[in-house]
């Protein structure tokens, strides 16, 4: 129970990697505030977690809207007492080759993936700074480090998250707030299920461990960075990718 009495916000926590992270945080003692766009999906996850004996609450929000982020942060403090951990996980893809990417698809991916992380980081800063304690973990991607054909918008958003991580780590260190990132490789989720066979083969052939990652592989890394085990680590990107990027 490394996270006993801690309160964690997980954006995009109602499915995929986000849900796996939220559950692992809850298993380690944290109360989890799960943020998503679908009230129905949030209700299902909260019910599932509550039946398992975890403390969980759902909050609907558009992460790209700063007013939504501020409202969620204030409500989480009112409902659960504090904010100790933020996991910026919400993300989407709108894949295409650069000549075919629509401007709206470029803007949407950057707004949700990168601006969403900025909005929630800004929203939780004040309660964390007041306590002089916080752990912020940004879920980026190995494609933010190495690029990927057909994912210029997604890769740019994830590379931006790494820069955001480093800058915030330097800004927030005086308030005892650690900011790190986790960069998953190919993890078995609904999102990666949409990759083409060619993309899947390229990822798998370049992965030394020779297997697809699971959501728990990412969630375990997040728990480490959210716990006191990582108190002397900040501004880092931890690749969880089976050795794809070295």
C-alpha atoms as a PDB file:
ATOM      1  CA  UNK A   1       0.000   0.000   0.000  1.00  0.00           C
ATOM      2  CA  UNK A   2       2.605   2.522  -1.139  1.00  0.00           C
ATOM      3  CA  UNK A   3      -0.017   5.185  -1.783  1.00  0.00           C
ATOM      4  CA  UNK A   4      -2.155   4.923   1.337  1.00  0.00           C
ATOM      5  CA  UNK A   5      -4.073   8.167   2.031  1.00  0.00           C
ATOM      6  CA  UNK A   6      -3.004   9.716  -1.288  1.00  0.00           C
ATOM      7  CA  UNK A   7      -5.452  11.164  -3.832  1.00  0.00           C
ATOM      8  CA  UNK A   8      -4.755  10.670  -7.527  1.00  0.00           C
ATOM      9  CA  UNK A   9      -6.322  12.164 -10.643  1.00  0.00           C
ATOM     10  CA  UNK A  10      -6.091  10.073 -13.808  1.00  0.00           C
ATOM     11  CA  UNK A  11      -7.252  11.696 -17.029  1.00  0.00           C
ATOM     12  CA  UNK A  12      -8.599   9.311 -19.628  1.00  0.00           C
ATOM     13  CA  UNK A  13      -8.916   6.794 -16.827  1.00  0.00           C
ATOM     14  CA  UNK A  14     -12.046   5.018 -17.984  1.00  0.00           C
ATOM     15  CA  UNK A  15     -10.382   2.646 -20.467  1.00  0.00           C
ATOM     16  CA  UNK A  16      -7.127   1.221 -21.769  1.00  0.00           C
ATOM     17  CA  UNK A  17      -3.864   2.243 -20.149  1.00  0.00           C
ATOM     18  CA  UNK A  18      -5.603   4.922 -18.090  1.00  0.00           C
ATOM     19  CA  UNK A  19      -7.972   2.441 -16.503  1.00  0.00           C
ATOM     20  CA  UNK A  20      -5.090   0.084 -15.772  1.00  0.00           C
ATOM     21  CA  UNK A  21      -3.178   2.910 -14.111  1.00  0.00           C
ATOM     22  CA  UNK A  22      -6.189   4.007 -12.054  1.00  0.00           C
ATOM     23  CA  UNK A  23      -6.767   0.468 -10.826  1.00  0.00           C
ATOM     24  CA  UNK A  24      -3.122  -0.072  -9.906  1.00  0.00           C
ATOM     25  CA  UNK A  25      -3.036   3.209  -7.986  1.00  0.00           C
ATOM     26  CA  UNK A  26      -6.196   2.159  -6.139  1.00  0.00           C
ATOM     27  CA  UNK A  27      -4.722  -1.268  -5.371  1.00  0.00           C
ATOM     28  CA  UNK A  28      -1.819   0.561  -3.732  1.00  0.00           C
ATOM     29  CA  UNK A  29      -4.117   2.555  -1.457  1.00  0.00           C
ATOM     30  CA  UNK A  30      -4.858   5.758  -3.383  1.00  0.00           C
ATOM     31  CA  UNK A  31      -8.298   7.293  -3.765  1.00  0.00           C
ATOM     32  CA  UNK A  32      -8.696   7.796  -7.512  1.00  0.00           C
ATOM     33  CA  UNK A  33     -10.474  10.573  -9.372  1.00  0.00           C
ATOM     34  CA  UNK A  34     -11.120   9.285 -12.867  1.00  0.00           C
ATOM     35  CA  UNK A  35     -11.593  11.884 -15.605  1.00  0.00           C
ATOM     36  CA  UNK A  36     -13.277  11.130 -18.916  1.00  0.00           C
ATOM     37  CA  UNK A  37     -15.757  12.456 -21.452  1.00  0.00           C
ATOM     38  CA  UNK A  38     -18.385   9.710 -21.210  1.00  0.00           C
ATOM     39  CA  UNK A  39     -20.503   9.726 -18.065  1.00  0.00           C
ATOM     40  CA  UNK A  40     -21.708   6.210 -18.837  1.00  0.00           C
ATOM     41  CA  UNK A  41     -18.162   4.868 -19.118  1.00  0.00           C
ATOM     42  CA  UNK A  42     -17.107   6.670 -15.950  1.00  0.00           C
ATOM     43  CA  UNK A  43     -20.069   5.289 -14.017  1.00  0.00           C
ATOM     44  CA  UNK A  44     -19.174   1.752 -15.099  1.00  0.00           C
ATOM     45  CA  UNK A  45     -15.549   2.085 -13.973  1.00  0.00           C
ATOM     46  CA  UNK A  46     -16.443   3.747 -10.673  1.00  0.00           C
ATOM     47  CA  UNK A  47     -18.951   0.982  -9.938  1.00  0.00           C
ATOM     48  CA  UNK A  48     -16.367  -1.674 -10.796  1.00  0.00           C
ATOM     49  CA  UNK A  49     -13.745  -0.075  -8.557  1.00  0.00           C
ATOM     50  CA  UNK A  50     -16.171   0.541  -5.702  1.00  0.00           C
ATOM     51  CA  UNK A  51     -17.313  -3.079  -5.760  1.00  0.00           C
ATOM     52  CA  UNK A  52     -13.652  -4.089  -5.471  1.00  0.00           C
ATOM     53  CA  UNK A  53     -13.374  -1.991  -2.297  1.00  0.00           C
ATOM     54  CA  UNK A  54     -11.543   0.990  -3.786  1.00  0.00           C
ATOM     55  CA  UNK A  55     -12.298   4.685  -3.305  1.00  0.00           C
ATOM     56  CA  UNK A  56     -13.132   6.075  -6.745  1.00  0.00           C
ATOM     57  CA  UNK A  57     -15.094   8.982  -8.186  1.00  0.00           C
ATOM     58  CA  UNK A  58     -15.747   9.968 -11.788  1.00  0.00           C
ATOM     59  CA  UNK A  59     -15.560  13.453 -13.306  1.00  0.00           C
ATOM     60  CA  UNK A  60     -16.645  14.397 -16.809  1.00  0.00           C
ATOM     61  CA  UNK A  61     -14.408  16.916 -18.540  1.00  0.00           C
ATOM     62  CA  UNK A  62     -12.942  17.990 -21.840  1.00  0.00           C
ATOM     63  CA  UNK A  63      -9.245  18.055 -20.942  1.00  0.00           C
ATOM     64  CA  UNK A  64      -8.558  20.602 -23.695  1.00  0.00           C
ATOM     65  CA  UNK A  65     -10.792  23.098 -21.866  1.00  0.00           C
ATOM     66  CA  UNK A  66      -8.912  24.878 -19.038  1.00  0.00           C
ATOM     67  CA  UNK A  67     -12.158  25.743 -17.272  1.00  0.00           C
ATOM     68  CA  UNK A  68     -13.046  22.050 -17.101  1.00  0.00           C
ATOM     69  CA  UNK A  69      -9.624  21.232 -15.679  1.00  0.00           C
ATOM     70  CA  UNK A  70      -9.932  23.908 -13.003  1.00  0.00           C
ATOM     71  CA  UNK A  71     -13.435  22.751 -12.086  1.00  0.00           C
ATOM     72  CA  UNK A  72     -12.330  19.126 -11.730  1.00  0.00           C
ATOM     73  CA  UNK A  73      -9.352  20.037  -9.542  1.00  0.00           C
ATOM     74  CA  UNK A  74     -11.518  22.118  -7.213  1.00  0.00           C
ATOM     75  CA  UNK A  75     -14.157  19.409  -7.003  1.00  0.00           C
ATOM     76  CA  UNK A  76     -11.613  16.671  -6.285  1.00  0.00           C
ATOM     77  CA  UNK A  77     -10.236  18.691  -3.367  1.00  0.00           C
ATOM     78  CA  UNK A  78     -13.785  19.220  -2.103  1.00  0.00           C
ATOM     79  CA  UNK A  79     -14.712  15.546  -2.495  1.00  0.00           C
ATOM     80  CA  UNK A  80     -11.503  13.749  -1.532  1.00  0.00           C
ATOM     81  CA  UNK A  81      -9.585  16.316   0.508  1.00  0.00           C
ATOM     82  CA  UNK A  82      -6.441  16.875  -1.567  1.00  0.00           C
ATOM     83  CA  UNK A  83      -4.582  16.187  -4.791  1.00  0.00           C
ATOM     84  CA  UNK A  84      -1.300  14.340  -4.362  1.00  0.00           C
ATOM     85  CA  UNK A  85      -0.853  12.662  -7.741  1.00  0.00           C
ATOM     86  CA  UNK A  86      -1.756  13.655 -11.294  1.00  0.00           C
ATOM     87  CA  UNK A  87      -1.486  11.252 -14.218  1.00  0.00           C
ATOM     88  CA  UNK A  88      -1.917  13.036 -17.548  1.00  0.00           C
ATOM     89  CA  UNK A  89      -2.990  10.075 -19.639  1.00  0.00           C
ATOM     90  CA  UNK A  90      -5.836  11.343 -21.839  1.00  0.00           C
ATOM     91  CA  UNK A  91      -4.939  11.045 -25.499  1.00  0.00           C
ATOM     92  CA  UNK A  92      -6.261  10.370 -28.977  1.00  0.00           C
ATOM     93  CA  UNK A  93      -4.909   9.594 -32.431  1.00  0.00           C
ATOM     94  CA  UNK A  94      -5.944  10.912 -35.832  1.00  0.00           C
ATOM     95  CA  UNK A  95      -3.391   9.131 -37.997  1.00  0.00           C
ATOM     96  CA  UNK A  96      -2.544  10.032 -41.575  1.00  0.00           C
ATOM     97  CA  UNK A  97       0.412  10.952 -43.741  1.00  0.00           C
ATOM     98  CA  UNK A  98       1.367  14.618 -43.429  1.00  0.00           C
ATOM     99  CA  UNK A  99      -0.022  15.703 -46.845  1.00  0.00           C
ATOM    100  CA  UNK A 100      -3.379  14.225 -45.839  1.00  0.00           C
ATOM    101  CA  UNK A 101      -3.646  15.411 -42.230  1.00  0.00           C
ATOM    102  CA  UNK A 102      -6.529  17.823 -41.893  1.00  0.00           C
ATOM    103  CA  UNK A 103      -5.857  20.951 -39.879  1.00  0.00           C
ATOM    104  CA  UNK A 104      -8.727  20.073 -37.546  1.00  0.00           C
ATOM    105  CA  UNK A 105      -7.165  16.647 -36.865  1.00  0.00           C
ATOM    106  CA  UNK A 106      -3.795  18.244 -36.148  1.00  0.00           C
ATOM    107  CA  UNK A 107      -5.365  20.736 -33.735  1.00  0.00           C
ATOM    108  CA  UNK A 108      -7.545  18.131 -31.997  1.00  0.00           C
ATOM    109  CA  UNK A 109      -4.634  15.771 -31.244  1.00  0.00           C
ATOM    110  CA  UNK A 110      -2.429  18.591 -29.937  1.00  0.00           C
ATOM    111  CA  UNK A 111      -5.297  20.091 -27.919  1.00  0.00           C
ATOM    112  CA  UNK A 112      -6.179  16.866 -26.118  1.00  0.00           C
ATOM    113  CA  UNK A 113      -2.788  15.224 -25.767  1.00  0.00           C
ATOM    114  CA  UNK A 114      -0.548  18.218 -25.054  1.00  0.00           C
ATOM    115  CA  UNK A 115      -2.781  21.115 -24.081  1.00  0.00           C
ATOM    116  CA  UNK A 116      -4.826  18.752 -21.914  1.00  0.00           C
ATOM    117  CA  UNK A 117      -1.709  17.838 -19.935  1.00  0.00           C
ATOM    118  CA  UNK A 118      -0.842  21.529 -19.578  1.00  0.00           C
ATOM    119  CA  UNK A 119      -4.364  22.395 -18.424  1.00  0.00           C
ATOM    120  CA  UNK A 120      -4.494  19.752 -15.702  1.00  0.00           C
ATOM    121  CA  UNK A 121      -0.937  20.413 -14.572  1.00  0.00           C
ATOM    122  CA  UNK A 122      -1.783  24.079 -14.158  1.00  0.00           C
ATOM    123  CA  UNK A 123      -5.025  23.207 -12.357  1.00  0.00           C
ATOM    124  CA  UNK A 124      -3.374  20.978  -9.735  1.00  0.00           C
ATOM    125  CA  UNK A 125      -0.304  23.126  -9.167  1.00  0.00           C
ATOM    126  CA  UNK A 126      -1.842  25.363  -6.503  1.00  0.00           C
ATOM    127  CA  UNK A 127      -3.115  22.586  -4.172  1.00  0.00           C
ATOM    128  CA  UNK A 128       0.146  20.674  -4.609  1.00  0.00           C
ATOM    129  CA  UNK A 129       2.292  23.747  -3.998  1.00  0.00           C
ATOM    130  CA  UNK A 130       0.248  24.612  -0.912  1.00  0.00           C
ATOM    131  CA  UNK A 131       1.027  21.169   0.540  1.00  0.00           C
ATOM    132  CA  UNK A 132       4.592  21.319  -0.792  1.00  0.00           C
ATOM    133  CA  UNK A 133       4.076  17.850  -2.182  1.00  0.00           C
ATOM    134  CA  UNK A 134       3.045  16.363  -5.496  1.00  0.00           C
ATOM    135  CA  UNK A 135       3.757  13.734  -8.126  1.00  0.00           C
ATOM    136  CA  UNK A 136       2.911  14.480 -11.743  1.00  0.00           C
ATOM    137  CA  UNK A 137       3.315  11.707 -14.312  1.00  0.00           C
ATOM    138  CA  UNK A 138       2.802  12.401 -17.999  1.00  0.00           C
ATOM    139  CA  UNK A 139       1.998   9.432 -20.225  1.00  0.00           C
ATOM    140  CA  UNK A 140       3.887  10.149 -23.412  1.00  0.00           C
ATOM    141  CA  UNK A 141       4.970   7.546 -26.005  1.00  0.00           C
ATOM    142  CA  UNK A 142       8.093   6.151 -27.619  1.00  0.00           C
ATOM    143  CA  UNK A 143       6.920   7.749 -30.874  1.00  0.00           C
ATOM    144  CA  UNK A 144       7.559  11.095 -29.170  1.00  0.00           C
ATOM    145  CA  UNK A 145      11.205  10.015 -29.057  1.00  0.00           C
ATOM    146  CA  UNK A 146      11.606   8.273 -32.403  1.00  0.00           C
ATOM    147  CA  UNK A 147       8.719   9.442 -34.606  1.00  0.00           C
ATOM    148  CA  UNK A 148       6.431   7.183 -36.629  1.00  0.00           C
ATOM    149  CA  UNK A 149       5.193   7.390 -40.224  1.00  0.00           C
ATOM    150  CA  UNK A 150       1.563   8.448 -40.360  1.00  0.00           C
ATOM    151  CA  UNK A 151       1.605   9.852 -36.828  1.00  0.00           C
ATOM    152  CA  UNK A 152       3.195  13.282 -37.159  1.00  0.00           C
ATOM    153  CA  UNK A 153       0.494  14.941 -35.064  1.00  0.00           C
ATOM    154  CA  UNK A 154       0.545  12.254 -32.361  1.00  0.00           C
ATOM    155  CA  UNK A 155       4.363  12.131 -32.295  1.00  0.00           C
ATOM    156  CA  UNK A 156       4.574  15.921 -32.024  1.00  0.00           C
ATOM    157  CA  UNK A 157       2.092  15.964 -29.144  1.00  0.00           C
ATOM    158  CA  UNK A 158       4.000  13.272 -27.269  1.00  0.00           C
ATOM    159  CA  UNK A 159       7.370  14.915 -27.880  1.00  0.00           C
ATOM    160  CA  UNK A 160       5.818  18.101 -26.528  1.00  0.00           C
ATOM    161  CA  UNK A 161       4.816  16.273 -23.364  1.00  0.00           C
ATOM    162  CA  UNK A 162       8.449  15.326 -22.768  1.00  0.00           C
ATOM    163  CA  UNK A 163       9.486  18.977 -23.064  1.00  0.00           C
ATOM    164  CA  UNK A 164       6.636  19.961 -20.766  1.00  0.00           C
ATOM    165  CA  UNK A 165       7.805  17.351 -18.256  1.00  0.00           C
ATOM    166  CA  UNK A 166      11.351  18.680 -18.157  1.00  0.00           C
ATOM    167  CA  UNK A 167      10.323  22.339 -17.900  1.00  0.00           C
ATOM    168  CA  UNK A 168       7.773  21.678 -15.174  1.00  0.00           C
ATOM    169  CA  UNK A 169      10.234  19.529 -13.234  1.00  0.00           C
ATOM    170  CA  UNK A 170      12.593  22.500 -13.071  1.00  0.00           C
ATOM    171  CA  UNK A 171       9.851  25.008 -12.250  1.00  0.00           C
ATOM    172  CA  UNK A 172       8.119  22.933  -9.568  1.00  0.00           C
ATOM    173  CA  UNK A 173      11.107  21.456  -7.741  1.00  0.00           C
ATOM    174  CA  UNK A 174      11.171  24.245  -5.165  1.00  0.00           C
ATOM    175  CA  UNK A 175       7.666  23.171  -4.109  1.00  0.00           C
ATOM    176  CA  UNK A 176       8.684  19.516  -3.742  1.00  0.00           C
ATOM    177  CA  UNK A 177       6.656  18.480  -6.784  1.00  0.00           C
ATOM    178  CA  UNK A 178       8.233  15.735  -8.896  1.00  0.00           C
ATOM    179  CA  UNK A 179       7.364  15.670 -12.595  1.00  0.00           C
ATOM    180  CA  UNK A 180       8.230  12.651 -14.716  1.00  0.00           C
ATOM    181  CA  UNK A 181       7.001  10.886 -17.826  1.00  0.00           C
ATOM    182  CA  UNK A 182       6.367   7.304 -18.861  1.00  0.00           C
ATOM    183  CA  UNK A 183       6.792   6.422 -22.526  1.00  0.00           C
ATOM    184  CA  UNK A 184       4.987   3.193 -23.424  1.00  0.00           C
ATOM    185  CA  UNK A 185       5.914   1.192 -26.482  1.00  0.00           C
ATOM    186  CA  UNK A 186       3.401  -1.137 -28.071  1.00  0.00           C
ATOM    187  CA  UNK A 187       0.868  -1.899 -25.335  1.00  0.00           C
ATOM    188  CA  UNK A 188      -2.194  -4.061 -25.950  1.00  0.00           C
ATOM    189  CA  UNK A 189      -5.117  -1.578 -25.899  1.00  0.00           C
ATOM    190  CA  UNK A 190      -8.041  -0.551 -28.074  1.00  0.00           C
ATOM    191  CA  UNK A 191      -5.948   2.300 -29.505  1.00  0.00           C
ATOM    192  CA  UNK A 192      -3.014   0.129 -30.599  1.00  0.00           C
ATOM    193  CA  UNK A 193      -5.485  -2.396 -31.962  1.00  0.00           C
ATOM    194  CA  UNK A 194      -6.199   0.174 -34.677  1.00  0.00           C
ATOM    195  CA  UNK A 195      -2.601   0.087 -35.962  1.00  0.00           C
ATOM    196  CA  UNK A 196      -2.037  -1.490 -39.364  1.00  0.00           C
ATOM    197  CA  UNK A 197      -0.433  -4.942 -39.591  1.00  0.00           C
ATOM    198  CA  UNK A 198       2.636  -3.261 -41.074  1.00  0.00           C
ATOM    199  CA  UNK A 199       2.937  -0.904 -38.096  1.00  0.00           C
ATOM    200  CA  UNK A 200       2.460  -3.742 -35.617  1.00  0.00           C
ATOM    201  CA  UNK A 201       5.118  -5.863 -37.304  1.00  0.00           C
ATOM    202  CA  UNK A 202       7.565  -2.965 -37.329  1.00  0.00           C
ATOM    203  CA  UNK A 203       7.090  -2.358 -33.607  1.00  0.00           C
ATOM    204  CA  UNK A 204       7.290  -6.036 -32.675  1.00  0.00           C
ATOM    205  CA  UNK A 205      10.339  -6.785 -34.840  1.00  0.00           C
ATOM    206  CA  UNK A 206      12.169  -3.876 -33.203  1.00  0.00           C
ATOM    207  CA  UNK A 207      11.280  -4.888 -29.640  1.00  0.00           C
ATOM    208  CA  UNK A 208      14.127  -6.935 -28.120  1.00  0.00           C
ATOM    209  CA  UNK A 209      11.850  -8.617 -25.564  1.00  0.00           C
ATOM    210  CA  UNK A 210       9.755  -9.832 -28.500  1.00  0.00           C
ATOM    211  CA  UNK A 211       6.309  -9.353 -27.014  1.00  0.00           C
ATOM    212  CA  UNK A 212       3.499  -6.862 -26.704  1.00  0.00           C
ATOM    213  CA  UNK A 213       3.374  -4.939 -23.433  1.00  0.00           C
ATOM    214  CA  UNK A 214       0.409  -5.066 -21.072  1.00  0.00           C
ATOM    215  CA  UNK A 215      -1.299  -2.211 -19.270  1.00  0.00           C
ATOM    216  CA  UNK A 216       0.120  -3.436 -15.953  1.00  0.00           C
ATOM    217  CA  UNK A 217       3.639  -2.910 -17.316  1.00  0.00           C
ATOM    218  CA  UNK A 218       2.867   0.796 -17.644  1.00  0.00           C
ATOM    219  CA  UNK A 219       0.799   0.994 -14.460  1.00  0.00           C
ATOM    220  CA  UNK A 220       3.600  -0.490 -12.343  1.00  0.00           C
ATOM    221  CA  UNK A 221       5.986   2.203 -13.605  1.00  0.00           C
ATOM    222  CA  UNK A 222       3.436   4.893 -12.751  1.00  0.00           C
ATOM    223  CA  UNK A 223       3.009   3.548  -9.208  1.00  0.00           C
ATOM    224  CA  UNK A 224       6.777   3.709  -8.751  1.00  0.00           C
ATOM    225  CA  UNK A 225       6.915   7.333  -9.913  1.00  0.00           C
ATOM    226  CA  UNK A 226       3.864   8.220  -7.810  1.00  0.00           C
ATOM    227  CA  UNK A 227       5.337   6.753  -4.630  1.00  0.00           C
ATOM    228  CA  UNK A 228       8.069   7.829  -2.219  1.00  0.00           C
ATOM    229  CA  UNK A 229      10.378   5.313  -3.931  1.00  0.00           C
ATOM    230  CA  UNK A 230      10.975   7.976  -6.609  1.00  0.00           C
ATOM    231  CA  UNK A 231      11.456  11.022  -4.378  1.00  0.00           C
ATOM    232  CA  UNK A 232      14.892  11.778  -5.876  1.00  0.00           C
ATOM    233  CA  UNK A 233      13.767  11.395  -9.483  1.00  0.00           C
ATOM    234  CA  UNK A 234      12.363  14.284 -11.515  1.00  0.00           C
ATOM    235  CA  UNK A 235      12.393  15.454 -15.132  1.00  0.00           C
ATOM    236  CA  UNK A 236      12.915  11.924 -16.435  1.00  0.00           C
ATOM    237  CA  UNK A 237      11.204   9.842 -19.104  1.00  0.00           C
ATOM    238  CA  UNK A 238      10.941   6.145 -18.287  1.00  0.00           C
ATOM    239  CA  UNK A 239      10.532   4.004 -21.399  1.00  0.00           C
ATOM    240  CA  UNK A 240       8.265   0.999 -20.903  1.00  0.00           C
ATOM    241  CA  UNK A 241       8.768  -0.517 -24.316  1.00  0.00           C
ATOM    242  CA  UNK A 242      10.511  -3.878 -24.122  1.00  0.00           C
ATOM    243  CA  UNK A 243      13.732  -2.237 -25.304  1.00  0.00           C
ATOM    244  CA  UNK A 244      12.314  -0.678 -28.470  1.00  0.00           C
ATOM    245  CA  UNK A 245      14.117   2.615 -27.788  1.00  0.00           C
ATOM    246  CA  UNK A 246      17.579   2.480 -26.224  1.00  0.00           C
END
